[in-house]
């Protein structure tokens, strides 16, 4: 990019207007590409930071997933993974009725059946 600017300056000094405009156009295109790349990287960075935050939060609470539901370090649960993932709320799931799996009373998530 610095070399392009030097070239443009030199062309301007030699009064090569068409070449100067071509150089400006090329530099503008490169700048546009770089801006788009930065935007993509910023979005990815934000997403990765959020994922790290979630993992740290999950780990600090001592949560683990077993049979499609979440339990704390003392094996209390099952907590609804959907409510935790989307709202950061630990909702206990209702006890299962005969031939059913636990269900969240808040979001209606059903724990998958264990084979």
PDB file of N, CA and C in Angstrom:
ATOM      1  N   UNK A   1       0.828  -1.184   0.000  1.00  0.00           N
ATOM      2  CA  UNK A   1       0.000   0.000   0.000  1.00  0.00           C
ATOM      3  C   UNK A   1       0.878   1.255   0.000  1.00  0.00           C
ATOM      4  N   UNK A   2       1.956   1.225   0.774  1.00  0.00           N
ATOM      5  CA  UNK A   2       2.860   2.367   0.823  1.00  0.00           C
ATOM      6  C   UNK A   2       3.518   2.570  -0.538  1.00  0.00           C
ATOM      7  N   UNK A   3       3.920   1.462  -1.173  1.00  0.00           N
ATOM      8  CA  UNK A   3       4.531   1.563  -2.505  1.00  0.00           C
ATOM      9  C   UNK A   3       3.553   2.150  -3.513  1.00  0.00           C
ATOM     10  N   UNK A   4       2.279   1.771  -3.385  1.00  0.00           N
ATOM     11  CA  UNK A   4       1.274   2.308  -4.300  1.00  0.00           C
ATOM     12  C   UNK A   4       1.172   3.829  -4.142  1.00  0.00           C
ATOM     13  N   UNK A   5       1.196   4.294  -2.893  1.00  0.00           N
ATOM     14  CA  UNK A   5       1.123   5.734  -2.653  1.00  0.00           C
ATOM     15  C   UNK A   5       2.328   6.462  -3.251  1.00  0.00           C
ATOM     16  N   UNK A   6       3.516   5.878  -3.105  1.00  0.00           N
ATOM     17  CA  UNK A   6       4.720   6.488  -3.683  1.00  0.00           C
ATOM     18  C   UNK A   6       4.601   6.559  -5.195  1.00  0.00           C
ATOM     19  N   UNK A   7       4.127   5.453  -5.799  1.00  0.00           N
ATOM     20  CA  UNK A   7       3.965   5.426  -7.256  1.00  0.00           C
ATOM     21  C   UNK A   7       2.982   6.507  -7.705  1.00  0.00           C
ATOM     22  N   UNK A   8       1.884   6.636  -6.978  1.00  0.00           N
ATOM     23  CA  UNK A   8       0.873   7.640  -7.334  1.00  0.00           C
ATOM     24  C   UNK A   8       1.464   9.041  -7.227  1.00  0.00           C
ATOM     25  N   UNK A   9       2.243   9.275  -6.173  1.00  0.00           N
ATOM     26  CA  UNK A   9       2.870  10.601  -6.004  1.00  0.00           C
ATOM     27  C   UNK A   9       3.806  10.899  -7.168  1.00  0.00           C
ATOM     28  N   UNK A  10       4.605   9.914  -7.524  1.00  0.00           N
ATOM     29  CA  UNK A  10       5.533  10.115  -8.639  1.00  0.00           C
ATOM     30  C   UNK A  10       4.791  10.389  -9.947  1.00  0.00           C
ATOM     31  N   UNK A  11       3.720   9.642 -10.172  1.00  0.00           N
ATOM     32  CA  UNK A  11       2.947   9.846 -11.405  1.00  0.00           C
ATOM     33  C   UNK A  11       2.330  11.238 -11.425  1.00  0.00           C
ATOM     34  N   UNK A  12       1.868  11.681 -10.264  1.00  0.00           N
ATOM     35  CA  UNK A  12       1.276  13.008 -10.168  1.00  0.00           C
ATOM     36  C   UNK A  12       2.289  14.088 -10.478  1.00  0.00           C
ATOM     37  N   UNK A  13       3.495  13.871  -9.993  1.00  0.00           N
ATOM     38  CA  UNK A  13       4.548  14.846 -10.258  1.00  0.00           C
ATOM     39  C   UNK A  13       4.885  14.906 -11.740  1.00  0.00           C
ATOM     40  N   UNK A  14       4.708  13.821 -12.430  1.00  0.00           N
ATOM     41  CA  UNK A  14       4.994  13.780 -13.870  1.00  0.00           C
ATOM     42  C   UNK A  14       3.756  14.144 -14.693  1.00  0.00           C
ATOM     43  N   UNK A  15       2.692  14.520 -13.999  1.00  0.00           N
ATOM     44  CA  UNK A  15       1.453  14.945 -14.652  1.00  0.00           C
ATOM     45  C   UNK A  15       0.863  13.863 -15.539  1.00  0.00           C
ATOM     46  N   UNK A  16       0.904  12.645 -15.067  1.00  0.00           N
ATOM     47  CA  UNK A  16       0.292  11.533 -15.801  1.00  0.00           C
ATOM     48  C   UNK A  16      -1.084  11.278 -15.184  1.00  0.00           C
ATOM     49  N   UNK A  17      -2.007  12.136 -15.515  1.00  0.00           N
ATOM     50  CA  UNK A  17      -3.324  12.129 -14.913  1.00  0.00           C
ATOM     51  C   UNK A  17      -4.027  10.783 -15.026  1.00  0.00           C
ATOM     52  N   UNK A  18      -4.032  10.174 -16.188  1.00  0.00           N
ATOM     53  CA  UNK A  18      -4.715   8.893 -16.384  1.00  0.00           C
ATOM     54  C   UNK A  18      -4.106   7.817 -15.500  1.00  0.00           C
ATOM     55  N   UNK A  19      -2.805   7.806 -15.416  1.00  0.00           N
ATOM     56  CA  UNK A  19      -2.125   6.816 -14.577  1.00  0.00           C
ATOM     57  C   UNK A  19      -2.413   7.055 -13.091  1.00  0.00           C
ATOM     58  N   UNK A  20      -2.473   8.332 -12.718  1.00  0.00           N
ATOM     59  CA  UNK A  20      -2.792   8.675 -11.327  1.00  0.00           C
ATOM     60  C   UNK A  20      -4.194   8.169 -10.980  1.00  0.00           C
ATOM     61  N   UNK A  21      -5.144   8.418 -11.860  1.00  0.00           N
ATOM     62  CA  UNK A  21      -6.514   7.974 -11.617  1.00  0.00           C
ATOM     63  C   UNK A  21      -6.600   6.452 -11.550  1.00  0.00           C
ATOM     64  N   UNK A  22      -5.840   5.766 -12.385  1.00  0.00           N
ATOM     65  CA  UNK A  22      -5.802   4.302 -12.361  1.00  0.00           C
ATOM     66  C   UNK A  22      -5.248   3.817 -11.017  1.00  0.00           C
ATOM     67  N   UNK A  23      -4.177   4.448 -10.564  1.00  0.00           N
ATOM     68  CA  UNK A  23      -3.580   4.086  -9.273  1.00  0.00           C
ATOM     69  C   UNK A  23      -4.540   4.317  -8.124  1.00  0.00           C
ATOM     70  N   UNK A  24      -5.236   5.438  -8.159  1.00  0.00           N
ATOM     71  CA  UNK A  24      -6.225   5.734  -7.115  1.00  0.00           C
ATOM     72  C   UNK A  24      -7.336   4.699  -7.135  1.00  0.00           C
ATOM     73  N   UNK A  25      -7.779   4.334  -8.306  1.00  0.00           N
ATOM     74  CA  UNK A  25      -8.827   3.333  -8.439  1.00  0.00           C
ATOM     75  C   UNK A  25      -8.384   1.971  -7.882  1.00  0.00           C
ATOM     76  N   UNK A  26      -7.141   1.573  -8.211  1.00  0.00           N
ATOM     77  CA  UNK A  26      -6.614   0.305  -7.706  1.00  0.00           C
ATOM     78  C   UNK A  26      -6.491   0.329  -6.182  1.00  0.00           C
ATOM     79  N   UNK A  27      -6.020   1.452  -5.661  1.00  0.00           N
ATOM     80  CA  UNK A  27      -5.870   1.581  -4.218  1.00  0.00           C
ATOM     81  C   UNK A  27      -7.233   1.559  -3.535  1.00  0.00           C
ATOM     82  N   UNK A  28      -8.198   2.181  -4.137  1.00  0.00           N
ATOM     83  CA  UNK A  28      -9.550   2.194  -3.590  1.00  0.00           C
ATOM     84  C   UNK A  28     -10.137   0.781  -3.542  1.00  0.00           C
ATOM     85  N   UNK A  29      -9.897   0.009  -4.602  1.00  0.00           N
ATOM     86  CA  UNK A  29     -10.385  -1.365  -4.640  1.00  0.00           C
ATOM     87  C   UNK A  29      -9.720  -2.207  -3.554  1.00  0.00           C
ATOM     88  N   UNK A  30      -8.404  -2.043  -3.385  1.00  0.00           N
ATOM     89  CA  UNK A  30      -7.681  -2.781  -2.341  1.00  0.00           C
ATOM     90  C   UNK A  30      -8.189  -2.392  -0.960  1.00  0.00           C
ATOM     91  N   UNK A  31      -8.424  -1.107  -0.756  1.00  0.00           N
ATOM     92  CA  UNK A  31      -8.926  -0.629   0.525  1.00  0.00           C
ATOM     93  C   UNK A  31     -10.311  -1.214   0.815  1.00  0.00           C
ATOM     94  N   UNK A  32     -11.134  -1.293  -0.202  1.00  0.00           N
ATOM     95  CA  UNK A  32     -12.459  -1.871  -0.041  1.00  0.00           C
ATOM     96  C   UNK A  32     -12.369  -3.350   0.347  1.00  0.00           C
ATOM     97  N   UNK A  33     -11.468  -4.092  -0.303  1.00  0.00           N
ATOM     98  CA  UNK A  33     -11.254  -5.501   0.038  1.00  0.00           C
ATOM     99  C   UNK A  33     -10.785  -5.646   1.487  1.00  0.00           C
ATOM    100  N   UNK A  34      -9.861  -4.790   1.882  1.00  0.00           N
ATOM    101  CA  UNK A  34      -9.339  -4.859   3.239  1.00  0.00           C
ATOM    102  C   UNK A  34     -10.424  -4.529   4.263  1.00  0.00           C
ATOM    103  N   UNK A  35     -11.260  -3.569   3.957  1.00  0.00           N
ATOM    104  CA  UNK A  35     -12.349  -3.194   4.854  1.00  0.00           C
ATOM    105  C   UNK A  35     -13.308  -4.363   5.046  1.00  0.00           C
ATOM    106  N   UNK A  36     -13.622  -5.055   3.963  1.00  0.00           N
ATOM    107  CA  UNK A  36     -14.509  -6.211   4.061  1.00  0.00           C
ATOM    108  C   UNK A  36     -13.852  -7.313   4.889  1.00  0.00           C
ATOM    109  N   UNK A  37     -12.568  -7.543   4.689  1.00  0.00           N
ATOM    110  CA  UNK A  37     -11.852  -8.561   5.455  1.00  0.00           C
ATOM    111  C   UNK A  37     -11.848  -8.226   6.940  1.00  0.00           C
ATOM    112  N   UNK A  38     -11.616  -6.966   7.259  1.00  0.00           N
ATOM    113  CA  UNK A  38     -11.623  -6.542   8.660  1.00  0.00           C
ATOM    114  C   UNK A  38     -13.008  -6.766   9.269  1.00  0.00           C
ATOM    115  N   UNK A  39     -14.040  -6.458   8.536  1.00  0.00           N
ATOM    116  CA  UNK A  39     -15.402  -6.645   9.028  1.00  0.00           C
ATOM    117  C   UNK A  39     -15.690  -8.116   9.329  1.00  0.00           C
ATOM    118  N   UNK A  40     -15.285  -8.989   8.429  1.00  0.00           N
ATOM    119  CA  UNK A  40     -15.478 -10.427   8.633  1.00  0.00           C
ATOM    120  C   UNK A  40     -14.698 -10.888   9.863  1.00  0.00           C
ATOM    121  N   UNK A  41     -13.463 -10.438   9.991  1.00  0.00           N
ATOM    122  CA  UNK A  41     -12.630 -10.838  11.130  1.00  0.00           C
ATOM    123  C   UNK A  41     -13.190 -10.300  12.452  1.00  0.00           C
ATOM    124  N   UNK A  42     -13.715  -9.084  12.439  1.00  0.00           N
ATOM    125  CA  UNK A  42     -14.309  -8.529  13.653  1.00  0.00           C
ATOM    126  C   UNK A  42     -15.529  -9.337  14.079  1.00  0.00           C
ATOM    127  N   UNK A  43     -16.344  -9.731  13.120  1.00  0.00           N
ATOM    128  CA  UNK A  43     -17.519 -10.542  13.419  1.00  0.00           C
ATOM    129  C   UNK A  43     -17.113 -11.898  13.992  1.00  0.00           C
ATOM    130  N   UNK A  44     -16.129 -12.512  13.366  1.00  0.00           N
ATOM    131  CA  UNK A  44     -15.639 -13.806  13.848  1.00  0.00           C
ATOM    132  C   UNK A  44     -15.045 -13.656  15.249  1.00  0.00           C
ATOM    133  N   UNK A  45     -14.310 -12.592  15.484  1.00  0.00           N
ATOM    134  CA  UNK A  45     -13.705 -12.347  16.787  1.00  0.00           C
ATOM    135  C   UNK A  45     -14.782 -12.197  17.861  1.00  0.00           C
ATOM    136  N   UNK A  46     -15.824 -11.440  17.570  1.00  0.00           N
ATOM    137  CA  UNK A  46     -16.930 -11.258  18.513  1.00  0.00           C
ATOM    138  C   UNK A  46     -17.590 -12.593  18.827  1.00  0.00           C
ATOM    139  N   UNK A  47     -17.814 -13.396  17.804  1.00  0.00           N
ATOM    140  CA  UNK A  47     -18.426 -14.710  17.987  1.00  0.00           C
ATOM    141  C   UNK A  47     -17.555 -15.622  18.855  1.00  0.00           C
ATOM    142  N   UNK A  48     -16.258 -15.613  18.588  1.00  0.00           N
ATOM    143  CA  UNK A  48     -15.342 -16.453  19.365  1.00  0.00           C
ATOM    144  C   UNK A  48     -15.244 -15.988  20.818  1.00  0.00           C
ATOM    145  N   UNK A  49     -15.258 -14.687  21.034  1.00  0.00           N
ATOM    146  CA  UNK A  49     -15.238 -14.167  22.408  1.00  0.00           C
ATOM    147  C   UNK A  49     -16.488 -14.610  23.166  1.00  0.00           C
ATOM    148  N   UNK A  50     -17.628 -14.580  22.515  1.00  0.00           N
ATOM    149  CA  UNK A  50     -18.875 -15.016  23.147  1.00  0.00           C
ATOM    150  C   UNK A  50     -18.808 -16.502  23.483  1.00  0.00           C
ATOM    151  N   UNK A  51     -18.282 -17.303  22.580  1.00  0.00           N
ATOM    152  CA  UNK A  51     -18.143 -18.743  22.819  1.00  0.00           C
ATOM    153  C   UNK A  51     -17.207 -19.002  24.005  1.00  0.00           C
ATOM    154  N   UNK A  52     -16.111 -18.264  24.095  1.00  0.00           N
ATOM    155  CA  UNK A  52     -15.182 -18.403  25.226  1.00  0.00           C
ATOM    156  C   UNK A  52     -15.886 -18.031  26.526  1.00  0.00           C
ATOM    157  N   UNK A  53     -16.645 -16.939  26.501  1.00  0.00           N
ATOM    158  CA  UNK A  53     -17.378 -16.509  27.699  1.00  0.00           C
ATOM    159  C   UNK A  53     -18.346 -17.590  28.155  1.00  0.00           C
ATOM    160  N   UNK A  54     -19.061 -18.186  27.194  1.00  0.00           N
ATOM    161  CA  UNK A  54     -20.013 -19.254  27.530  1.00  0.00           C
ATOM    162  C   UNK A  54     -19.301 -20.452  28.145  1.00  0.00           C
ATOM    163  N   UNK A  55     -18.186 -20.837  27.547  1.00  0.00           N
ATOM    164  CA  UNK A  55     -17.449 -21.995  28.059  1.00  0.00           C
ATOM    165  C   UNK A  55     -16.898 -21.732  29.460  1.00  0.00           C
ATOM    166  N   UNK A  56     -16.388 -20.527  29.701  1.00  0.00           N
ATOM    167  CA  UNK A  56     -15.875 -20.189  31.026  1.00  0.00           C
ATOM    168  C   UNK A  56     -17.002 -20.193  32.050  1.00  0.00           C
ATOM    169  N   UNK A  57     -18.145 -19.647  31.678  1.00  0.00           N
ATOM    170  CA  UNK A  57     -19.300 -19.611  32.570  1.00  0.00           C
ATOM    171  C   UNK A  57     -19.760 -21.034  32.880  1.00  0.00           C
ATOM    172  N   UNK A  58     -19.856 -21.854  31.871  1.00  0.00           N
ATOM    173  CA  UNK A  58     -20.278 -23.249  32.020  1.00  0.00           C
ATOM    174  C   UNK A  58     -19.320 -23.974  32.964  1.00  0.00           C
ATOM    175  N   UNK A  59     -18.014 -23.782  32.734  1.00  0.00           N
ATOM    176  CA  UNK A  59     -16.997 -24.450  33.543  1.00  0.00           C
ATOM    177  C   UNK A  59     -17.005 -23.934  34.983  1.00  0.00           C
ATOM    178  N   UNK A  60     -17.169 -22.630  35.182  1.00  0.00           N
ATOM    179  CA  UNK A  60     -17.125 -22.062  36.529  1.00  0.00           C
ATOM    180  C   UNK A  60     -18.298 -22.539  37.379  1.00  0.00           C
ATOM    181  N   UNK A  61     -19.390 -22.860  36.758  1.00  0.00           N
ATOM    182  CA  UNK A  61     -20.546 -23.373  37.500  1.00  0.00           C
ATOM    183  C   UNK A  61     -20.445 -24.879  37.739  1.00  0.00           C
ATOM    184  N   UNK A  62     -19.437 -25.496  37.166  1.00  0.00           N
ATOM    185  CA  UNK A  62     -19.267 -26.937  37.350  1.00  0.00           C
ATOM    186  C   UNK A  62     -20.331 -27.741  36.628  1.00  0.00           C
ATOM    187  N   UNK A  63     -20.846 -27.196  35.542  1.00  0.00           N
ATOM    188  CA  UNK A  63     -21.912 -27.880  34.813  1.00  0.00           C
ATOM    189  C   UNK A  63     -21.335 -28.912  33.856  1.00  0.00           C
ATOM    190  N   UNK A  64     -22.105 -29.968  33.683  1.00  0.00           N
ATOM    191  CA  UNK A  64     -21.744 -30.984  32.699  1.00  0.00           C
ATOM    192  C   UNK A  64     -23.024 -31.545  32.094  1.00  0.00           C
ATOM    193  N   UNK A  65     -22.897 -32.085  30.916  1.00  0.00           N
ATOM    194  CA  UNK A  65     -24.057 -32.639  30.221  1.00  0.00           C
ATOM    195  C   UNK A  65     -23.997 -34.155  30.319  1.00  0.00           C
ATOM    196  N   UNK A  66     -25.145 -34.724  30.678  1.00  0.00           N
ATOM    197  CA  UNK A  66     -25.263 -36.175  30.779  1.00  0.00           C
ATOM    198  C   UNK A  66     -26.646 -36.549  30.252  1.00  0.00           C
ATOM    199  N   UNK A  67     -26.685 -37.455  29.315  1.00  0.00           N
ATOM    200  CA  UNK A  67     -27.947 -37.946  28.750  1.00  0.00           C
ATOM    201  C   UNK A  67     -28.840 -36.823  28.234  1.00  0.00           C
ATOM    202  N   UNK A  68     -28.245 -35.781  27.641  1.00  0.00           N
ATOM    203  CA  UNK A  68     -29.010 -34.701  27.013  1.00  0.00           C
ATOM    204  C   UNK A  68     -29.489 -33.624  27.951  1.00  0.00           C
ATOM    205  N   UNK A  69     -29.092 -33.678  29.229  1.00  0.00           N
ATOM    206  CA  UNK A  69     -29.481 -32.634  30.181  1.00  0.00           C
ATOM    207  C   UNK A  69     -28.241 -32.173  30.932  1.00  0.00           C
ATOM    208  N   UNK A  70     -28.398 -31.083  31.679  1.00  0.00           N
ATOM    209  CA  UNK A  70     -27.270 -30.520  32.414  1.00  0.00           C
ATOM    210  C   UNK A  70     -27.410 -30.805  33.895  1.00  0.00           C
ATOM    211  N   UNK A  71     -26.263 -31.022  34.520  1.00  0.00           N
ATOM    212  CA  UNK A  71     -26.192 -31.260  35.959  1.00  0.00           C
ATOM    213  C   UNK A  71     -25.059 -30.406  36.513  1.00  0.00           C
ATOM    214  N   UNK A  72     -25.169 -30.008  37.800  1.00  0.00           N
ATOM    215  CA  UNK A  72     -24.087 -29.226  38.385  1.00  0.00           C
ATOM    216  C   UNK A  72     -23.045 -30.156  38.998  1.00  0.00           C
ATOM    217  N   UNK A  73     -22.030 -29.557  39.630  1.00  0.00           N
ATOM    218  CA  UNK A  73     -20.913 -30.363  40.152  1.00  0.00           C
ATOM    219  C   UNK A  73     -21.363 -31.331  41.241  1.00  0.00           C
ATOM    220  N   UNK A  74     -22.496 -31.056  41.894  1.00  0.00           N
ATOM    221  CA  UNK A  74     -23.022 -31.959  42.929  1.00  0.00           C
ATOM    222  C   UNK A  74     -24.041 -32.941  42.373  1.00  0.00           C
ATOM    223  N   UNK A  75     -24.146 -32.983  41.053  1.00  0.00           N
ATOM    224  CA  UNK A  75     -25.084 -33.846  40.318  1.00  0.00           C
ATOM    225  C   UNK A  75     -26.549 -33.474  40.549  1.00  0.00           C
ATOM    226  N   UNK A  76     -26.801 -32.209  40.914  1.00  0.00           N
ATOM    227  CA  UNK A  76     -28.181 -31.722  40.984  1.00  0.00           C
ATOM    228  C   UNK A  76     -28.672 -31.492  39.571  1.00  0.00           C
ATOM    229  N   UNK A  77     -29.922 -31.735  39.328  1.00  0.00           N
ATOM    230  CA  UNK A  77     -30.493 -31.544  38.005  1.00  0.00           C
ATOM    231  C   UNK A  77     -31.610 -32.538  37.797  1.00  0.00           C
ATOM    232  N   UNK A  78     -32.035 -32.737  36.611  1.00  0.00           N
ATOM    233  CA  UNK A  78     -31.496 -32.168  35.384  1.00  0.00           C
ATOM    234  C   UNK A  78     -31.978 -30.733  35.165  1.00  0.00           C
ATOM    235  N   UNK A  79     -31.058 -29.905  34.644  1.00  0.00           N
ATOM    236  CA  UNK A  79     -31.377 -28.542  34.257  1.00  0.00           C
ATOM    237  C   UNK A  79     -31.558 -28.512  32.745  1.00  0.00           C
ATOM    238  N   UNK A  80     -32.377 -27.579  32.301  1.00  0.00           N
ATOM    239  CA  UNK A  80     -32.681 -27.467  30.872  1.00  0.00           C
ATOM    240  C   UNK A  80     -31.505 -26.840  30.111  1.00  0.00           C
ATOM    241  N   UNK A  81     -30.912 -27.576  29.167  1.00  0.00           N
ATOM    242  CA  UNK A  81     -29.802 -27.001  28.397  1.00  0.00           C
ATOM    243  C   UNK A  81     -30.256 -25.885  27.457  1.00  0.00           C
ATOM    244  N   UNK A  82     -31.488 -25.942  26.982  1.00  0.00           N
ATOM    245  CA  UNK A  82     -32.010 -24.913  26.093  1.00  0.00           C
ATOM    246  C   UNK A  82     -32.140 -23.571  26.821  1.00  0.00           C
ATOM    247  N   UNK A  83     -32.708 -23.580  28.024  1.00  0.00           N
ATOM    248  CA  UNK A  83     -32.857 -22.344  28.804  1.00  0.00           C
ATOM    249  C   UNK A  83     -31.491 -21.769  29.174  1.00  0.00           C
ATOM    250  N   UNK A  84     -30.559 -22.647  29.518  1.00  0.00           N
ATOM    251  CA  UNK A  84     -29.228 -22.166  29.883  1.00  0.00           C
ATOM    252  C   UNK A  84     -28.514 -21.571  28.681  1.00  0.00           C
ATOM    253  N   UNK A  85     -28.569 -22.261  27.565  1.00  0.00           N
ATOM    254  CA  UNK A  85     -27.870 -21.804  26.356  1.00  0.00           C
ATOM    255  C   UNK A  85     -28.420 -20.467  25.856  1.00  0.00           C
ATOM    256  N   UNK A  86     -29.727 -20.316  25.877  1.00  0.00           N
ATOM    257  CA  UNK A  86     -30.348 -19.125  25.290  1.00  0.00           C
ATOM    258  C   UNK A  86     -30.580 -17.975  26.262  1.00  0.00           C
ATOM    259  N   UNK A  87     -30.715 -18.283  27.578  1.00  0.00           N
ATOM    260  CA  UNK A  87     -31.075 -17.229  28.533  1.00  0.00           C
ATOM    261  C   UNK A  87     -30.191 -17.191  29.774  1.00  0.00           C
ATOM    262  N   UNK A  88     -29.242 -18.117  29.872  1.00  0.00           N
ATOM    263  CA  UNK A  88     -28.353 -18.217  31.028  1.00  0.00           C
ATOM    264  C   UNK A  88     -29.139 -18.425  32.324  1.00  0.00           C
ATOM    265  N   UNK A  89     -30.220 -19.194  32.223  1.00  0.00           N
ATOM    266  CA  UNK A  89     -31.051 -19.501  33.383  1.00  0.00           C
ATOM    267  C   UNK A  89     -30.989 -21.001  33.617  1.00  0.00           C
ATOM    268  N   UNK A  90     -30.779 -21.385  34.889  1.00  0.00           N
ATOM    269  CA  UNK A  90     -30.798 -22.807  35.232  1.00  0.00           C
ATOM    270  C   UNK A  90     -32.206 -23.173  35.684  1.00  0.00           C
ATOM    271  N   UNK A  91     -32.982 -23.719  34.778  1.00  0.00           N
ATOM    272  CA  UNK A  91     -34.335 -24.183  35.087  1.00  0.00           C
ATOM    273  C   UNK A  91     -34.308 -25.682  35.300  1.00  0.00           C
ATOM    274  N   UNK A  92     -34.803 -26.099  36.454  1.00  0.00           N
ATOM    275  CA  UNK A  92     -34.925 -27.534  36.688  1.00  0.00           C
ATOM    276  C   UNK A  92     -36.011 -28.094  35.779  1.00  0.00           C
ATOM    277  N   UNK A  93     -35.746 -29.247  35.242  1.00  0.00           N
ATOM    278  CA  UNK A  93     -36.740 -29.900  34.393  1.00  0.00           C
ATOM    279  C   UNK A  93     -37.666 -30.721  35.288  1.00  0.00           C
ATOM    280  N   UNK A  94     -38.913 -30.858  34.863  1.00  0.00           N
ATOM    281  CA  UNK A  94     -39.885 -31.604  35.663  1.00  0.00           C
ATOM    282  C   UNK A  94     -39.506 -33.079  35.694  1.00  0.00           C
ATOM    283  N   UNK A  95     -39.846 -33.749  36.793  1.00  0.00           N
ATOM    284  CA  UNK A  95     -39.563 -35.186  36.848  1.00  0.00           C
ATOM    285  C   UNK A  95     -40.352 -35.905  35.758  1.00  0.00           C
ATOM    286  N   UNK A  96     -39.783 -36.940  35.200  1.00  0.00           N
ATOM    287  CA  UNK A  96     -40.485 -37.639  34.117  1.00  0.00           C
ATOM    288  C   UNK A  96     -41.680 -38.436  34.629  1.00  0.00           C
ATOM    289  N   UNK A  97     -42.707 -38.451  33.834  1.00  0.00           N
ATOM    290  CA  UNK A  97     -43.849 -39.320  34.093  1.00  0.00           C
ATOM    291  C   UNK A  97     -43.486 -40.695  33.549  1.00  0.00           C
ATOM    292  N   UNK A  98     -44.238 -41.731  33.905  1.00  0.00           N
ATOM    293  CA  UNK A  98     -43.918 -43.058  33.365  1.00  0.00           C
ATOM    294  C   UNK A  98     -43.856 -43.025  31.828  1.00  0.00           C
ATOM    295  N   UNK A  99     -42.849 -43.652  31.274  1.00  0.00           N
ATOM    296  CA  UNK A  99     -42.617 -43.752  29.826  1.00  0.00           C
ATOM    297  C   UNK A  99     -42.387 -42.408  29.146  1.00  0.00           C
ATOM    298  N   UNK A 100     -41.933 -41.392  29.882  1.00  0.00           N
ATOM    299  CA  UNK A 100     -41.603 -40.090  29.289  1.00  0.00           C
ATOM    300  C   UNK A 100     -40.236 -39.651  29.792  1.00  0.00           C
ATOM    301  N   UNK A 101     -39.714 -38.623  29.185  1.00  0.00           N
ATOM    302  CA  UNK A 101     -38.447 -38.057  29.643  1.00  0.00           C
ATOM    303  C   UNK A 101     -38.729 -36.708  30.300  1.00  0.00           C
ATOM    304  N   UNK A 102     -37.777 -36.196  31.113  1.00  0.00           N
ATOM    305  CA  UNK A 102     -37.991 -34.892  31.752  1.00  0.00           C
ATOM    306  C   UNK A 102     -38.262 -33.795  30.725  1.00  0.00           C
ATOM    307  N   UNK A 103     -39.072 -32.828  31.136  1.00  0.00           N
ATOM    308  CA  UNK A 103     -39.466 -31.730  30.256  1.00  0.00           C
ATOM    309  C   UNK A 103     -39.305 -30.421  31.011  1.00  0.00           C
ATOM    310  N   UNK A 104     -38.850 -29.378  30.304  1.00  0.00           N
ATOM    311  CA  UNK A 104     -38.704 -28.063  30.910  1.00  0.00           C
ATOM    312  C   UNK A 104     -40.067 -27.373  30.982  1.00  0.00           C
ATOM    313  N   UNK A 105     -40.390 -26.870  32.165  1.00  0.00           N
ATOM    314  CA  UNK A 105     -41.683 -26.188  32.328  1.00  0.00           C
ATOM    315  C   UNK A 105     -41.676 -24.793  31.711  1.00  0.00           C
ATOM    316  N   UNK A 106     -40.482 -24.244  31.449  1.00  0.00           N
ATOM    317  CA  UNK A 106     -40.390 -22.902  30.880  1.00  0.00           C
ATOM    318  C   UNK A 106     -40.449 -22.903  29.352  1.00  0.00           C
ATOM    319  N   UNK A 107     -39.574 -23.713  28.724  1.00  0.00           N
ATOM    320  CA  UNK A 107     -39.471 -23.649  27.267  1.00  0.00           C
ATOM    321  C   UNK A 107     -39.998 -24.914  26.584  1.00  0.00           C
ATOM    322  N   UNK A 108     -40.383 -25.889  27.365  1.00  0.00           N
ATOM    323  CA  UNK A 108     -40.956 -27.146  26.865  1.00  0.00           C
ATOM    324  C   UNK A 108     -39.924 -28.071  26.193  1.00  0.00           C
ATOM    325  N   UNK A 109     -38.640 -27.820  26.442  1.00  0.00           N
ATOM    326  CA  UNK A 109     -37.607 -28.710  25.911  1.00  0.00           C
ATOM    327  C   UNK A 109     -37.790 -30.093  26.520  1.00  0.00           C
ATOM    328  N   UNK A 110     -37.746 -31.109  25.673  1.00  0.00           N
ATOM    329  CA  UNK A 110     -37.818 -32.495  26.121  1.00  0.00           C
ATOM    330  C   UNK A 110     -36.428 -33.101  26.095  1.00  0.00           C
ATOM    331  N   UNK A 111     -36.054 -33.718  27.182  1.00  0.00           N
ATOM    332  CA  UNK A 111     -34.768 -34.401  27.218  1.00  0.00           C
ATOM    333  C   UNK A 111     -34.841 -35.622  26.316  1.00  0.00           C
ATOM    334  N   UNK A 112     -33.819 -35.840  25.486  1.00  0.00           N
ATOM    335  CA  UNK A 112     -33.860 -36.999  24.598  1.00  0.00           C
ATOM    336  C   UNK A 112     -33.905 -38.296  25.403  1.00  0.00           C
ATOM    337  N   UNK A 113     -34.589 -39.270  24.850  1.00  0.00           N
ATOM    338  CA  UNK A 113     -34.652 -40.565  25.515  1.00  0.00           C
ATOM    339  C   UNK A 113     -33.321 -41.258  25.404  1.00  0.00           C
ATOM    340  N   UNK A 114     -32.910 -41.890  26.486  1.00  0.00           N
ATOM    341  CA  UNK A 114     -31.651 -42.616  26.529  1.00  0.00           C
ATOM    342  C   UNK A 114     -31.938 -44.053  26.158  1.00  0.00           C
ATOM    343  N   UNK A 115     -31.153 -44.551  25.207  1.00  0.00           N
ATOM    344  CA  UNK A 115     -31.353 -45.933  24.760  1.00  0.00           C
ATOM    345  C   UNK A 115     -30.690 -46.901  25.685  1.00  0.00           C
TER     346      UNK A 115
END
